[in-house]
């Protein structure tokens, strides 16, 4: 049986660029939770009626890794 020869798949920039863009967007939005946490937590800690402490803020910050 003769071995068939096939040409390699087309991997031009036009084909790869959308994949790279989607990967970049995924990484960008994956980091948004930490960004929002950092922007809102000082305000939550300042409002004493919510009952947040530095310890609870640290725990929530640690959990942001598992929230995705």
Protein backbone atom coordinates (compact mmCIF):
# COMPACT_ATOMS: atom_id res chain seq x y z
CA UNK A 1 0.00 0.00 0.00
CA UNK A 2 1.39 3.38 -0.95
CA UNK A 3 1.76 6.05 1.70
CA UNK A 4 -0.42 9.03 1.00
CA UNK A 5 1.16 12.42 1.11
CA UNK A 6 -0.91 15.26 2.43
CA UNK A 7 0.00 18.88 2.66
CA UNK A 8 0.29 20.42 6.13
CA UNK A 9 -2.72 22.39 7.34
CA UNK A 10 -2.91 26.09 6.55
CA UNK A 11 -1.51 27.95 9.55
CA UNK A 12 -1.31 31.43 8.19
CA UNK A 13 -1.72 34.44 10.46
CA UNK A 14 -5.22 34.90 9.10
CA UNK A 15 -6.19 31.50 10.49
CA UNK A 16 -4.27 31.72 13.77
CA UNK A 17 -5.11 35.34 14.71
CA UNK A 18 -8.70 34.66 15.86
CA UNK A 19 -7.49 31.82 18.09
CA UNK A 20 -4.84 34.05 19.64
CA UNK A 21 -7.41 36.82 20.15
CA UNK A 22 -9.84 34.45 21.88
CA UNK A 23 -7.10 33.14 24.15
CA UNK A 24 -6.07 36.69 25.05
CA UNK A 25 -9.67 37.62 25.85
CA UNK A 26 -10.03 34.54 28.06
CA UNK A 27 -6.93 35.48 30.05
CA UNK A 28 -8.06 39.12 30.27
CA UNK A 29 -11.51 38.28 31.63
CA UNK A 30 -10.08 35.62 33.92
CA UNK A 31 -8.09 38.34 35.69
CA UNK A 32 -11.01 40.73 36.00
CA UNK A 33 -12.30 39.12 39.21
CA UNK A 34 -9.09 39.97 41.04
CA UNK A 35 -9.16 43.49 39.63
CA UNK A 36 -12.74 44.04 40.79
CA UNK A 37 -11.93 42.53 44.19
CA UNK A 38 -9.03 44.95 44.63
CA UNK A 39 -11.16 47.92 43.67
CA UNK A 40 -14.16 47.10 45.88
CA UNK A 41 -12.69 45.54 49.01
CA UNK A 42 -11.37 48.80 50.54
CA UNK A 43 -14.88 50.25 50.31
CA UNK A 44 -16.42 47.12 51.81
CA UNK A 45 -13.93 47.24 54.69
CA UNK A 46 -14.70 50.92 55.30
CA UNK A 47 -18.43 50.21 55.73
CA UNK A 48 -18.58 48.77 59.25
CA UNK A 49 -22.24 47.74 58.89
CA UNK A 50 -21.20 44.93 56.53
CA UNK A 51 -18.99 43.29 59.16
CA UNK A 52 -15.98 42.59 56.94
CA UNK A 53 -12.67 42.21 58.73
CA UNK A 54 -9.15 42.06 57.38
CA UNK A 55 -9.21 38.31 57.94
CA UNK A 56 -12.42 37.82 55.95
CA UNK A 57 -11.09 40.07 53.18
CA UNK A 58 -7.97 37.91 53.01
CA UNK A 59 -10.05 34.74 52.84
CA UNK A 60 -12.18 36.14 50.03
CA UNK A 61 -9.03 37.21 48.20
CA UNK A 62 -7.67 33.68 48.50
CA UNK A 63 -10.90 32.21 47.12
CA UNK A 64 -10.79 34.32 43.95
CA UNK A 65 -8.40 31.75 42.48
CA UNK A 66 -11.03 29.02 42.78
CA UNK A 67 -13.96 31.11 41.58
CA UNK A 68 -13.15 30.70 37.90
